[in-house]
Amino acid sequence: MSKVKETSVKQDIKSMLKSVKMEKISGGESFSFKKPGDKLVGVLRGTKKGEYDGKEITIYNIEDCNNKVWGVWESKALEVLSDLPKGAIVSIEFLAKKKGKKGRTFKDFEILSDSVAEIK
């Protein structure tokens, strides 16, 4: 990615961080992407391990512009987050539900970051 485009992305995300209004989702610290357009913008603070349906999962900790740390549960669509360094600014937007090759429904996301050069 060119330096100009990377700088533009950083400015866009920093601008979003200042303008986005976050609201508390029931369930405490887990962020739930319920409908298309739901978005979380913040700083990736790290990960922690959790458990879902008897399986160990990764929970990504993202701090929003109000200093609230949200947990975002691992999914195939979000695994690119594991390639980002701590401190990366990220924007995660739920786009739509889609059907996979085997007919299973999954959530599709747009993920932006100021650390795009770090993604493998």
PDB file of N, CA and C in Angstrom:
ATOM      1  N   MET A   1       0.846  -1.173   0.000  1.00  0.00           N
ATOM      2  CA  MET A   1       0.000   0.000   0.000  1.00  0.00           C
ATOM      3  C   MET A   1       0.889   1.233   0.000  1.00  0.00           C
ATOM      4  N   SER A   2       0.506   2.212  -0.787  1.00  0.00           N
ATOM      5  CA  SER A   2       1.320   3.415  -0.871  1.00  0.00           C
ATOM      6  C   SER A   2       1.215   4.210   0.422  1.00  0.00           C
ATOM      7  N   LYS A   3       2.251   4.971   0.708  1.00  0.00           N
ATOM      8  CA  LYS A   3       2.286   5.782   1.922  1.00  0.00           C
ATOM      9  C   LYS A   3       1.144   6.797   1.925  1.00  0.00           C
ATOM     10  N   VAL A   4       0.818   7.361   0.756  1.00  0.00           N
ATOM     11  CA  VAL A   4      -0.261   8.344   0.666  1.00  0.00           C
ATOM     12  C   VAL A   4      -1.582   7.704   1.059  1.00  0.00           C
ATOM     13  N   LYS A   5      -1.874   6.531   0.489  1.00  0.00           N
ATOM     14  CA  LYS A   5      -3.133   5.850   0.793  1.00  0.00           C
ATOM     15  C   LYS A   5      -3.176   5.440   2.267  1.00  0.00           C
ATOM     16  N   GLU A   6      -2.062   4.923   2.805  1.00  0.00           N
ATOM     17  CA  GLU A   6      -2.011   4.510   4.209  1.00  0.00           C
ATOM     18  C   GLU A   6      -2.266   5.710   5.114  1.00  0.00           C
ATOM     19  N   THR A   7      -1.669   6.858   4.814  1.00  0.00           N
ATOM     20  CA  THR A   7      -1.882   8.061   5.614  1.00  0.00           C
ATOM     21  C   THR A   7      -3.342   8.486   5.545  1.00  0.00           C
ATOM     22  N   SER A   8      -3.938   8.406   4.365  1.00  0.00           N
ATOM     23  CA  SER A   8      -5.340   8.750   4.190  1.00  0.00           C
ATOM     24  C   SER A   8      -6.236   7.843   5.028  1.00  0.00           C
ATOM     25  N   VAL A   9      -5.949   6.543   5.034  1.00  0.00           N
ATOM     26  CA  VAL A   9      -6.726   5.593   5.831  1.00  0.00           C
ATOM     27  C   VAL A   9      -6.590   5.933   7.314  1.00  0.00           C
ATOM     28  N   LYS A  10      -5.361   6.244   7.778  1.00  0.00           N
ATOM     29  CA  LYS A  10      -5.154   6.617   9.186  1.00  0.00           C
ATOM     30  C   LYS A  10      -5.987   7.842   9.548  1.00  0.00           C
ATOM     31  N   GLN A  11      -5.988   8.837   8.679  1.00  0.00           N
ATOM     32  CA  GLN A  11      -6.742  10.058   8.954  1.00  0.00           C
ATOM     33  C   GLN A  11      -8.234   9.768   8.981  1.00  0.00           C
ATOM     34  N   ASP A  12      -8.713   8.951   8.055  1.00  0.00           N
ATOM     35  CA  ASP A  12     -10.133   8.599   8.016  1.00  0.00           C
ATOM     36  C   ASP A  12     -10.558   7.883   9.292  1.00  0.00           C
ATOM     37  N   ILE A  13      -9.746   6.935   9.746  1.00  0.00           N
ATOM     38  CA  ILE A  13     -10.098   6.164  10.944  1.00  0.00           C
ATOM     39  C   ILE A  13     -10.030   7.051  12.178  1.00  0.00           C
ATOM     40  N   LYS A  14      -9.008   7.896  12.280  1.00  0.00           N
ATOM     41  CA  LYS A  14      -8.918   8.803  13.434  1.00  0.00           C
ATOM     42  C   LYS A  14     -10.114   9.750  13.451  1.00  0.00           C
ATOM     43  N   SER A  15     -10.542  10.201  12.283  1.00  0.00           N
ATOM     44  CA  SER A  15     -11.714  11.062  12.178  1.00  0.00           C
ATOM     45  C   SER A  15     -12.963  10.312  12.639  1.00  0.00           C
ATOM     46  N   MET A  16     -13.086   9.027  12.233  1.00  0.00           N
ATOM     47  CA  MET A  16     -14.233   8.213  12.658  1.00  0.00           C
ATOM     48  C   MET A  16     -14.240   8.047  14.170  1.00  0.00           C
ATOM     49  N   LEU A  17     -13.054   7.855  14.761  1.00  0.00           N
ATOM     50  CA  LEU A  17     -12.966   7.680  16.208  1.00  0.00           C
ATOM     51  C   LEU A  17     -13.525   8.893  16.939  1.00  0.00           C
ATOM     52  N   LYS A  18     -13.287  10.067  16.410  1.00  0.00           N
ATOM     53  CA  LYS A  18     -13.764  11.288  17.048  1.00  0.00           C
ATOM     54  C   LYS A  18     -15.262  11.471  16.881  1.00  0.00           C
ATOM     55  N   SER A  19     -15.823  10.995  15.761  1.00  0.00           N
ATOM     56  CA  SER A  19     -17.223  11.282  15.464  1.00  0.00           C
ATOM     57  C   SER A  19     -18.192  10.155  15.841  1.00  0.00           C
ATOM     58  N   VAL A  20     -17.685   8.954  16.039  1.00  0.00           N
ATOM     59  CA  VAL A  20     -18.597   7.838  16.296  1.00  0.00           C
ATOM     60  C   VAL A  20     -19.146   7.900  17.722  1.00  0.00           C
ATOM     61  N   LYS A  21     -20.427   7.586  17.875  1.00  0.00           N
ATOM     62  CA  LYS A  21     -21.048   7.540  19.190  1.00  0.00           C
ATOM     63  C   LYS A  21     -21.304   6.075  19.522  1.00  0.00           C
ATOM     64  N   MET A  22     -20.750   5.625  20.620  1.00  0.00           N
ATOM     65  CA  MET A  22     -20.902   4.233  21.026  1.00  0.00           C
ATOM     66  C   MET A  22     -21.998   4.144  22.081  1.00  0.00           C
ATOM     67  N   GLU A  23     -22.673   3.007  22.123  1.00  0.00           N
ATOM     68  CA  GLU A  23     -23.650   2.788  23.167  1.00  0.00           C
ATOM     69  C   GLU A  23     -23.390   1.436  23.809  1.00  0.00           C
ATOM     70  N   LYS A  24     -23.747   1.339  25.084  1.00  0.00           N
ATOM     71  CA  LYS A  24     -23.516   0.098  25.799  1.00  0.00           C
ATOM     72  C   LYS A  24     -24.489  -0.962  25.306  1.00  0.00           C
ATOM     73  N   ILE A  25     -23.961  -2.120  25.012  1.00  0.00           N
ATOM     74  CA  ILE A  25     -24.774  -3.248  24.568  1.00  0.00           C
ATOM     75  C   ILE A  25     -25.046  -4.127  25.780  1.00  0.00           C
ATOM     76  N   SER A  26     -26.276  -4.626  25.912  1.00  0.00           N
ATOM     77  CA  SER A  26     -26.562  -5.504  27.039  1.00  0.00           C
ATOM     78  C   SER A  26     -25.636  -6.710  26.983  1.00  0.00           C
ATOM     79  N   GLY A  27     -25.263  -7.205  28.098  1.00  0.00           N
ATOM     80  CA  GLY A  27     -24.310  -8.312  28.154  1.00  0.00           C
ATOM     81  C   GLY A  27     -22.951  -7.804  28.599  1.00  0.00           C
ATOM     82  N   GLY A  28     -22.874  -6.527  28.969  1.00  0.00           N
ATOM     83  CA  GLY A  28     -21.641  -6.002  29.546  1.00  0.00           C
ATOM     84  C   GLY A  28     -20.608  -5.653  28.513  1.00  0.00           C
ATOM     85  N   GLU A  29     -19.513  -6.404  28.512  1.00  0.00           N
ATOM     86  CA  GLU A  29     -18.381  -5.974  27.712  1.00  0.00           C
ATOM     87  C   GLU A  29     -18.301  -6.595  26.323  1.00  0.00           C
ATOM     88  N   SER A  30     -19.190  -7.483  25.960  1.00  0.00           N
ATOM     89  CA  SER A  30     -19.162  -8.070  24.612  1.00  0.00           C
ATOM     90  C   SER A  30     -19.890  -7.162  23.640  1.00  0.00           C
ATOM     91  N   PHE A  31     -19.262  -6.885  22.485  1.00  0.00           N
ATOM     92  CA  PHE A  31     -19.908  -6.075  21.457  1.00  0.00           C
ATOM     93  C   PHE A  31     -20.647  -7.024  20.528  1.00  0.00           C
ATOM     94  N   SER A  32     -21.909  -6.739  20.284  1.00  0.00           N
ATOM     95  CA  SER A  32     -22.730  -7.606  19.454  1.00  0.00           C
ATOM     96  C   SER A  32     -23.087  -6.900  18.147  1.00  0.00           C
ATOM     97  N   PHE A  33     -22.694  -7.499  17.031  1.00  0.00           N
ATOM     98  CA  PHE A  33     -23.045  -6.985  15.715  1.00  0.00           C
ATOM     99  C   PHE A  33     -24.378  -7.620  15.333  1.00  0.00           C
ATOM    100  N   LYS A  34     -25.479  -6.904  15.565  1.00  0.00           N
ATOM    101  CA  LYS A  34     -26.802  -7.476  15.362  1.00  0.00           C
ATOM    102  C   LYS A  34     -27.404  -7.192  14.000  1.00  0.00           C
ATOM    103  N   LYS A  35     -27.183  -5.975  13.477  1.00  0.00           N
ATOM    104  CA  LYS A  35     -27.801  -5.628  12.197  1.00  0.00           C
ATOM    105  C   LYS A  35     -26.780  -4.954  11.292  1.00  0.00           C
ATOM    106  N   PRO A  36     -26.970  -5.088   9.975  1.00  0.00           N
ATOM    107  CA  PRO A  36     -26.040  -4.426   9.044  1.00  0.00           C
ATOM    108  C   PRO A  36     -25.896  -2.939   9.391  1.00  0.00           C
ATOM    109  N   GLY A  37     -24.665  -2.483   9.354  1.00  0.00           N
ATOM    110  CA  GLY A  37     -24.371  -1.093   9.708  1.00  0.00           C
ATOM    111  C   GLY A  37     -23.813  -0.950  11.112  1.00  0.00           C
ATOM    112  N   ASP A  38     -24.019  -1.963  11.975  1.00  0.00           N
ATOM    113  CA  ASP A  38     -23.429  -1.905  13.319  1.00  0.00           C
ATOM    114  C   ASP A  38     -21.917  -1.816  13.165  1.00  0.00           C
ATOM    115  N   LYS A  39     -21.300  -0.904  13.913  1.00  0.00           N
ATOM    116  CA  LYS A  39     -19.879  -0.642  13.734  1.00  0.00           C
ATOM    117  C   LYS A  39     -19.200  -0.415  15.082  1.00  0.00           C
ATOM    118  N   LEU A  40     -17.987  -0.929  15.195  1.00  0.00           N
ATOM    119  CA  LEU A  40     -17.133  -0.677  16.352  1.00  0.00           C
ATOM    120  C   LEU A  40     -15.832  -0.098  15.829  1.00  0.00           C
ATOM    121  N   VAL A  41     -15.459   1.068  16.354  1.00  0.00           N
ATOM    122  CA  VAL A  41     -14.218   1.732  15.975  1.00  0.00           C
ATOM    123  C   VAL A  41     -13.420   1.965  17.245  1.00  0.00           C
ATOM    124  N   GLY A  42     -12.153   1.584  17.226  1.00  0.00           N
ATOM    125  CA  GLY A  42     -11.335   1.781  18.413  1.00  0.00           C
ATOM    126  C   GLY A  42      -9.920   1.283  18.234  1.00  0.00           C
ATOM    127  N   VAL A  43      -9.249   1.112  19.370  1.00  0.00           N
ATOM    128  CA  VAL A  43      -7.852   0.689  19.397  1.00  0.00           C
ATOM    129  C   VAL A  43      -7.789  -0.756  19.887  1.00  0.00           C
ATOM    130  N   LEU A  44      -7.099  -1.600  19.126  1.00  0.00           N
ATOM    131  CA  LEU A  44      -6.924  -3.001  19.518  1.00  0.00           C
ATOM    132  C   LEU A  44      -5.976  -3.043  20.708  1.00  0.00           C
ATOM    133  N   ARG A  45      -6.467  -3.493  21.849  1.00  0.00           N
ATOM    134  CA  ARG A  45      -5.672  -3.530  23.079  1.00  0.00           C
ATOM    135  C   ARG A  45      -5.073  -4.901  23.375  1.00  0.00           C
ATOM    136  N   GLY A  46      -5.464  -5.903  22.619  1.00  0.00           N
ATOM    137  CA  GLY A  46      -4.925  -7.246  22.839  1.00  0.00           C
ATOM    138  C   GLY A  46      -6.023  -8.284  22.753  1.00  0.00           C
ATOM    139  N   THR A  47      -5.721  -9.475  23.234  1.00  0.00           N
ATOM    140  CA  THR A  47      -6.680 -10.570  23.184  1.00  0.00           C
ATOM    141  C   THR A  47      -6.734 -11.270  24.536  1.00  0.00           C
ATOM    142  N   LYS A  48      -7.777 -12.042  24.714  1.00  0.00           N
ATOM    143  CA  LYS A  48      -7.870 -12.936  25.865  1.00  0.00           C
ATOM    144  C   LYS A  48      -8.565 -14.199  25.384  1.00  0.00           C
ATOM    145  N   LYS A  49      -8.422 -15.253  26.125  1.00  0.00           N
ATOM    146  CA  LYS A  49      -9.054 -16.519  25.774  1.00  0.00           C
ATOM    147  C   LYS A  49     -10.417 -16.612  26.440  1.00  0.00           C
ATOM    148  N   GLY A  50     -11.336 -17.192  25.724  1.00  0.00           N
ATOM    149  CA  GLY A  50     -12.672 -17.417  26.239  1.00  0.00           C
ATOM    150  C   GLY A  50     -13.129 -18.804  25.839  1.00  0.00           C
ATOM    151  N   GLU A  51     -14.369 -19.113  26.161  1.00  0.00           N
ATOM    152  CA  GLU A  51     -14.909 -20.423  25.811  1.00  0.00           C
ATOM    153  C   GLU A  51     -16.317 -20.251  25.279  1.00  0.00           C
ATOM    154  N   TYR A  52     -16.601 -20.949  24.180  1.00  0.00           N
ATOM    155  CA  TYR A  52     -17.933 -20.939  23.600  1.00  0.00           C
ATOM    156  C   TYR A  52     -18.270 -22.342  23.137  1.00  0.00           C
ATOM    157  N   ASP A  53     -19.383 -22.852  23.618  1.00  0.00           N
ATOM    158  CA  ASP A  53     -19.859 -24.173  23.225  1.00  0.00           C
ATOM    159  C   ASP A  53     -18.791 -25.242  23.447  1.00  0.00           C
ATOM    160  N   GLY A  54     -18.043 -25.113  24.553  1.00  0.00           N
ATOM    161  CA  GLY A  54     -17.023 -26.105  24.908  1.00  0.00           C
ATOM    162  C   GLY A  54     -15.706 -25.952  24.163  1.00  0.00           C
ATOM    163  N   LYS A  55     -15.590 -24.921  23.318  1.00  0.00           N
ATOM    164  CA  LYS A  55     -14.362 -24.702  22.555  1.00  0.00           C
ATOM    165  C   LYS A  55     -13.688 -23.419  23.009  1.00  0.00           C
ATOM    166  N   GLU A  56     -12.344 -23.438  23.026  1.00  0.00           N
ATOM    167  CA  GLU A  56     -11.597 -22.224  23.360  1.00  0.00           C
ATOM    168  C   GLU A  56     -11.610 -21.278  22.168  1.00  0.00           C
ATOM    169  N   ILE A  57     -11.880 -20.008  22.446  1.00  0.00           N
ATOM    170  CA  ILE A  57     -11.901 -18.995  21.387  1.00  0.00           C
ATOM    171  C   ILE A  57     -11.061 -17.797  21.812  1.00  0.00           C
ATOM    172  N   THR A  58     -10.741 -16.952  20.841  1.00  0.00           N
ATOM    173  CA  THR A  58     -10.039 -15.707  21.108  1.00  0.00           C
ATOM    174  C   THR A  58     -11.053 -14.577  21.153  1.00  0.00           C
ATOM    175  N   ILE A  59     -10.884 -13.696  22.137  1.00  0.00           N
ATOM    176  CA  ILE A  59     -11.712 -12.501  22.238  1.00  0.00           C
ATOM    177  C   ILE A  59     -10.779 -11.310  22.047  1.00  0.00           C
ATOM    178  N   TYR A  60     -11.079 -10.484  21.056  1.00  0.00           N
ATOM    179  CA  TYR A  60     -10.275  -9.299  20.767  1.00  0.00           C
ATOM    180  C   TYR A  60     -10.791  -8.139  21.612  1.00  0.00           C
ATOM    181  N   ASN A  61      -9.902  -7.480  22.356  1.00  0.00           N
ATOM    182  CA  ASN A  61     -10.276  -6.349  23.196  1.00  0.00           C
ATOM    183  C   ASN A  61     -10.031  -5.055  22.434  1.00  0.00           C
ATOM    184  N   ILE A  62     -11.111  -4.295  22.215  1.00  0.00           N
ATOM    185  CA  ILE A  62     -11.041  -3.053  21.455  1.00  0.00           C
ATOM    186  C   ILE A  62     -11.587  -1.920  22.326  1.00  0.00           C
ATOM    187  N   GLU A  63     -10.757  -0.887  22.500  1.00  0.00           N
ATOM    188  CA  GLU A  63     -11.138   0.265  23.316  1.00  0.00           C
ATOM    189  C   GLU A  63     -11.710   1.350  22.412  1.00  0.00           C
ATOM    190  N   ASP A  64     -12.937   1.799  22.714  1.00  0.00           N
ATOM    191  CA  ASP A  64     -13.576   2.814  21.885  1.00  0.00           C
ATOM    192  C   ASP A  64     -13.163   4.225  22.321  1.00  0.00           C
ATOM    193  N   CYS A  65     -13.733   5.228  21.671  1.00  0.00           N
ATOM    194  CA  CYS A  65     -13.359   6.618  21.945  1.00  0.00           C
ATOM    195  C   CYS A  65     -13.822   7.094  23.320  1.00  0.00           C
ATOM    196  N   ASN A  66     -14.668   6.326  23.983  1.00  0.00           N
ATOM    197  CA  ASN A  66     -15.121   6.646  25.343  1.00  0.00           C
ATOM    198  C   ASN A  66     -14.352   5.866  26.403  1.00  0.00           C
ATOM    199  N   ASN A  67     -13.251   5.242  25.994  1.00  0.00           N
ATOM    200  CA  ASN A  67     -12.397   4.433  26.881  1.00  0.00           C
ATOM    201  C   ASN A  67     -13.086   3.174  27.396  1.00  0.00           C
ATOM    202  N   LYS A  68     -14.132   2.738  26.735  1.00  0.00           N
ATOM    203  CA  LYS A  68     -14.809   1.483  27.071  1.00  0.00           C
ATOM    204  C   LYS A  68     -14.148   0.366  26.277  1.00  0.00           C
ATOM    205  N   VAL A  69     -13.755  -0.695  26.950  1.00  0.00           N
ATOM    206  CA  VAL A  69     -13.136  -1.838  26.269  1.00  0.00           C
ATOM    207  C   VAL A  69     -14.216  -2.874  25.988  1.00  0.00           C
ATOM    208  N   TRP A  70     -14.347  -3.198  24.695  1.00  0.00           N
ATOM    209  CA  TRP A  70     -15.340  -4.161  24.234  1.00  0.00           C
ATOM    210  C   TRP A  70     -14.647  -5.456  23.836  1.00  0.00           C
ATOM    211  N   GLY A  71     -15.283  -6.570  24.112  1.00  0.00           N
ATOM    212  CA  GLY A  71     -14.805  -7.867  23.650  1.00  0.00           C
ATOM    213  C   GLY A  71     -15.493  -8.231  22.351  1.00  0.00           C
ATOM    214  N   VAL A  72     -14.705  -8.577  21.338  1.00  0.00           N
ATOM    215  CA  VAL A  72     -15.254  -9.027  20.058  1.00  0.00           C
ATOM    216  C   VAL A  72     -14.835 -10.473  19.870  1.00  0.00           C
ATOM    217  N   TRP A  73     -15.810 -11.357  19.783  1.00  0.00           N
ATOM    218  CA  TRP A  73     -15.544 -12.791  19.714  1.00  0.00           C
ATOM    219  C   TRP A  73     -15.007 -13.194  18.363  1.00  0.00           C
ATOM    220  N   GLU A  74     -14.055 -14.096  18.412  1.00  0.00           N
ATOM    221  CA  GLU A  74     -13.416 -14.642  17.215  1.00  0.00           C
ATOM    222  C   GLU A  74     -14.440 -15.250  16.262  1.00  0.00           C
ATOM    223  N   SER A  75     -14.215 -15.026  14.973  1.00  0.00           N
ATOM    224  CA  SER A  75     -14.964 -15.708  13.920  1.00  0.00           C
ATOM    225  C   SER A  75     -14.057 -15.768  12.696  1.00  0.00           C
ATOM    226  N   LYS A  76     -14.389 -16.609  11.759  1.00  0.00           N
ATOM    227  CA  LYS A  76     -13.587 -16.732  10.537  1.00  0.00           C
ATOM    228  C   LYS A  76     -13.491 -15.382   9.826  1.00  0.00           C
ATOM    229  N   ALA A  77     -14.594 -14.631   9.802  1.00  0.00           N
ATOM    230  CA  ALA A  77     -14.611 -13.342   9.113  1.00  0.00           C
ATOM    231  C   ALA A  77     -13.735 -12.293   9.800  1.00  0.00           C
ATOM    232  N   LEU A  78     -13.440 -12.482  11.077  1.00  0.00           N
ATOM    233  CA  LEU A  78     -12.659 -11.500  11.829  1.00  0.00           C
ATOM    234  C   LEU A  78     -11.228 -11.948  12.109  1.00  0.00           C
ATOM    235  N   GLU A  79     -10.812 -13.102  11.597  1.00  0.00           N
ATOM    236  CA  GLU A  79      -9.490 -13.624  11.961  1.00  0.00           C
ATOM    237  C   GLU A  79      -8.337 -12.733  11.509  1.00  0.00           C
ATOM    238  N   VAL A  80      -8.574 -11.818  10.565  1.00  0.00           N
ATOM    239  CA  VAL A  80      -7.527 -10.884  10.144  1.00  0.00           C
ATOM    240  C   VAL A  80      -7.068 -10.015  11.322  1.00  0.00           C
ATOM    241  N   LEU A  81      -7.920  -9.845  12.324  1.00  0.00           N
ATOM    242  CA  LEU A  81      -7.540  -9.060  13.501  1.00  0.00           C
ATOM    243  C   LEU A  81      -6.332  -9.659  14.218  1.00  0.00           C
ATOM    244  N   SER A  82      -6.162 -10.975  14.113  1.00  0.00           N
ATOM    245  CA  SER A  82      -5.045 -11.633  14.801  1.00  0.00           C
ATOM    246  C   SER A  82      -3.693 -11.234  14.212  1.00  0.00           C
ATOM    247  N   ASP A  83      -3.686 -10.694  12.989  1.00  0.00           N
ATOM    248  CA  ASP A  83      -2.444 -10.262  12.343  1.00  0.00           C
ATOM    249  C   ASP A  83      -2.062  -8.822  12.685  1.00  0.00           C
ATOM    250  N   LEU A  84      -2.949  -8.110  13.373  1.00  0.00           N
ATOM    251  CA  LEU A  84      -2.680  -6.711  13.691  1.00  0.00           C
ATOM    252  C   LEU A  84      -1.945  -6.577  15.023  1.00  0.00           C
ATOM    253  N   PRO A  85      -1.078  -5.573  15.131  1.00  0.00           N
ATOM    254  CA  PRO A  85      -0.363  -5.364  16.390  1.00  0.00           C
ATOM    255  C   PRO A  85      -1.252  -4.666  17.421  1.00  0.00           C
ATOM    256  N   LYS A  86      -0.929  -4.845  18.696  1.00  0.00           N
ATOM    257  CA  LYS A  86      -1.604  -4.080  19.744  1.00  0.00           C
ATOM    258  C   LYS A  86      -1.396  -2.612  19.445  1.00  0.00           C
ATOM    259  N   GLY A  87      -2.432  -1.822  19.685  1.00  0.00           N
ATOM    260  CA  GLY A  87      -2.353  -0.392  19.428  1.00  0.00           C
ATOM    261  C   GLY A  87      -2.864   0.017  18.059  1.00  0.00           C
ATOM    262  N   ALA A  88      -3.174  -0.963  17.211  1.00  0.00           N
ATOM    263  CA  ALA A  88      -3.708  -0.647  15.878  1.00  0.00           C
ATOM    264  C   ALA A  88      -5.110  -0.053  16.027  1.00  0.00           C
ATOM    265  N   ILE A  89      -5.405   0.943  15.216  1.00  0.00           N
ATOM    266  CA  ILE A  89      -6.752   1.499  15.170  1.00  0.00           C
ATOM    267  C   ILE A  89      -7.544   0.652  14.189  1.00  0.00           C
ATOM    268  N   VAL A  90      -8.729   0.206  14.620  1.00  0.00           N
ATOM    269  CA  VAL A  90      -9.550  -0.655  13.770  1.00  0.00           C
ATOM    270  C   VAL A  90     -10.981  -0.140  13.687  1.00  0.00           C
ATOM    271  N   SER A  91     -11.590  -0.416  12.559  1.00  0.00           N
ATOM    272  CA  SER A  91     -13.005  -0.152  12.346  1.00  0.00           C
ATOM    273  C   SER A  91     -13.599  -1.454  11.826  1.00  0.00           C
ATOM    274  N   ILE A  92     -14.608  -1.967  12.530  1.00  0.00           N
ATOM    275  CA  ILE A  92     -15.265  -3.215  12.137  1.00  0.00           C
ATOM    276  C   ILE A  92     -16.735  -2.894  11.891  1.00  0.00           C
ATOM    277  N   GLU A  93     -17.193  -3.100  10.661  1.00  0.00           N
ATOM    278  CA  GLU A  93     -18.591  -2.834  10.331  1.00  0.00           C
ATOM    279  C   GLU A  93     -19.243  -4.108   9.808  1.00  0.00           C
ATOM    280  N   PHE A  94     -20.389  -4.438  10.383  1.00  0.00           N
ATOM    281  CA  PHE A  94     -21.178  -5.590   9.930  1.00  0.00           C
ATOM    282  C   PHE A  94     -21.908  -5.180   8.651  1.00  0.00           C
ATOM    283  N   LEU A  95     -21.593  -5.869   7.544  1.00  0.00           N
ATOM    284  CA  LEU A  95     -22.181  -5.532   6.243  1.00  0.00           C
ATOM    285  C   LEU A  95     -23.487  -6.260   5.983  1.00  0.00           C
ATOM    286  N   ALA A  96     -23.476  -7.577   6.139  1.00  0.00           N
ATOM    287  CA  ALA A  96     -24.666  -8.374   5.825  1.00  0.00           C
ATOM    288  C   ALA A  96     -24.433  -9.820   6.221  1.00  0.00           C
ATOM    289  N   LYS A  97     -25.510 -10.578   6.272  1.00  0.00           N
ATOM    290  CA  LYS A  97     -25.399 -12.030   6.421  1.00  0.00           C
ATOM    291  C   LYS A  97     -25.312 -12.616   5.023  1.00  0.00           C
ATOM    292  N   LYS A  98     -24.434 -13.608   4.865  1.00  0.00           N
ATOM    293  CA  LYS A  98     -24.255 -14.263   3.566  1.00  0.00           C
ATOM    294  C   LYS A  98     -24.283 -15.773   3.752  1.00  0.00           C
ATOM    295  N   LYS A  99     -24.514 -16.468   2.649  1.00  0.00           N
ATOM    296  CA  LYS A  99     -24.466 -17.937   2.666  1.00  0.00           C
ATOM    297  C   LYS A  99     -23.129 -18.399   2.145  1.00  0.00           C
ATOM    298  N   GLY A 100     -22.511 -19.335   2.884  1.00  0.00           N
ATOM    299  CA  GLY A 100     -21.240 -19.900   2.469  1.00  0.00           C
ATOM    300  C   GLY A 100     -21.433 -21.021   1.467  1.00  0.00           C
ATOM    301  N   LYS A 101     -20.334 -21.611   1.036  1.00  0.00           N
ATOM    302  CA  LYS A 101     -20.357 -22.680   0.023  1.00  0.00           C
ATOM    303  C   LYS A 101     -21.149 -23.898   0.485  1.00  0.00           C
ATOM    304  N   LYS A 102     -21.126 -24.154   1.795  1.00  0.00           N
ATOM    305  CA  LYS A 102     -21.836 -25.323   2.322  1.00  0.00           C
ATOM    306  C   LYS A 102     -23.245 -24.980   2.795  1.00  0.00           C
ATOM    307  N   GLY A 103     -23.707 -23.745   2.477  1.00  0.00           N
ATOM    308  CA  GLY A 103     -25.067 -23.358   2.817  1.00  0.00           C
ATOM    309  C   GLY A 103     -25.237 -22.740   4.192  1.00  0.00           C
ATOM    310  N   ARG A 104     -24.160 -22.674   4.965  1.00  0.00           N
ATOM    311  CA  ARG A 104     -24.253 -22.070   6.298  1.00  0.00           C
ATOM    312  C   ARG A 104     -24.232 -20.550   6.178  1.00  0.00           C
ATOM    313  N   THR A 105     -24.989 -19.885   7.047  1.00  0.00           N
ATOM    314  CA  THR A 105     -25.037 -18.430   7.053  1.00  0.00           C
ATOM    315  C   THR A 105     -23.924 -17.887   7.948  1.00  0.00           C
ATOM    316  N   PHE A 106     -23.275 -16.811   7.482  1.00  0.00           N
ATOM    317  CA  PHE A 106     -22.242 -16.161   8.280  1.00  0.00           C
ATOM    318  C   PHE A 106     -22.362 -14.651   8.131  1.00  0.00           C
ATOM    319  N   LYS A 107     -21.762 -13.918   9.058  1.00  0.00           N
ATOM    320  CA  LYS A 107     -21.757 -12.463   8.997  1.00  0.00           C
ATOM    321  C   LYS A 107     -20.528 -11.999   8.233  1.00  0.00           C
ATOM    322  N   ASP A 108     -20.747 -11.058   7.302  1.00  0.00           N
ATOM    323  CA  ASP A 108     -19.669 -10.483   6.519  1.00  0.00           C
ATOM    324  C   ASP A 108     -19.343  -9.100   7.090  1.00  0.00           C
ATOM    325  N   PHE A 109     -18.038  -8.803   7.209  1.00  0.00           N
ATOM    326  CA  PHE A 109     -17.584  -7.552   7.817  1.00  0.00           C
ATOM    327  C   PHE A 109     -16.637  -6.800   6.895  1.00  0.00           C
ATOM    328  N   GLU A 110     -16.620  -5.474   7.043  1.00  0.00           N
ATOM    329  CA  GLU A 110     -15.564  -4.656   6.462  1.00  0.00           C
ATOM    330  C   GLU A 110     -14.660  -4.277   7.627  1.00  0.00           C
ATOM    331  N   ILE A 111     -13.368  -4.560   7.486  1.00  0.00           N
ATOM    332  CA  ILE A 111     -12.404  -4.250   8.542  1.00  0.00           C
ATOM    333  C   ILE A 111     -11.362  -3.303   7.973  1.00  0.00           C
ATOM    334  N   LEU A 112     -11.245  -2.131   8.613  1.00  0.00           N
ATOM    335  CA  LEU A 112     -10.240  -1.139   8.240  1.00  0.00           C
ATOM    336  C   LEU A 112      -9.267  -0.987   9.403  1.00  0.00           C
ATOM    337  N   SER A 113      -8.021  -0.665   9.078  1.00  0.00           N
ATOM    338  CA  SER A 113      -7.025  -0.448  10.118  1.00  0.00           C
ATOM    339  C   SER A 113      -5.961   0.523   9.654  1.00  0.00           C
ATOM    340  N   ASP A 114      -5.358   1.216  10.606  1.00  0.00           N
ATOM    341  CA  ASP A 114      -4.226   2.074  10.279  1.00  0.00           C
ATOM    342  C   ASP A 114      -2.958   1.241  10.111  1.00  0.00           C
ATOM    343  N   SER A 115      -3.023  -0.038  10.440  1.00  0.00           N
ATOM    344  CA  SER A 115      -1.861  -0.922  10.363  1.00  0.00           C
ATOM    345  C   SER A 115      -1.991  -1.917   9.228  1.00  0.00           C
ATOM    346  N   VAL A 116      -2.585  -1.505   8.118  1.00  0.00           N
ATOM    347  CA  VAL A 116      -2.814  -2.419   7.009  1.00  0.00           C
ATOM    348  C   VAL A 116      -1.518  -3.027   6.483  1.00  0.00           C
ATOM    349  N   ALA A 117      -0.410  -2.330   6.608  1.00  0.00           N
ATOM    350  CA  ALA A 117       0.866  -2.883   6.139  1.00  0.00           C
ATOM    351  C   ALA A 117       1.296  -4.071   6.979  1.00  0.00           C
ATOM    352  N   GLU A 118       0.726  -4.203   8.176  1.00  0.00           N
ATOM    353  CA  GLU A 118       1.080  -5.291   9.089  1.00  0.00           C
ATOM    354  C   GLU A 118       0.306  -6.574   8.777  1.00  0.00           C
ATOM    355  N   ILE A 119      -0.800  -6.476   8.051  1.00  0.00           N
ATOM    356  CA  ILE A 119      -1.617  -7.657   7.763  1.00  0.00           C
ATOM    357  C   ILE A 119      -0.873  -8.570   6.814  1.00  0.00           C
ATOM    358  N   LYS A 120      -0.807  -9.846   7.151  1.00  0.00           N
ATOM    359  CA  LYS A 120      -0.064 -10.829   6.342  1.00  0.00           C
ATOM    360  C   LYS A 120      -0.919 -11.312   5.189  1.00  0.00           C
TER     361      LYS A 120
END
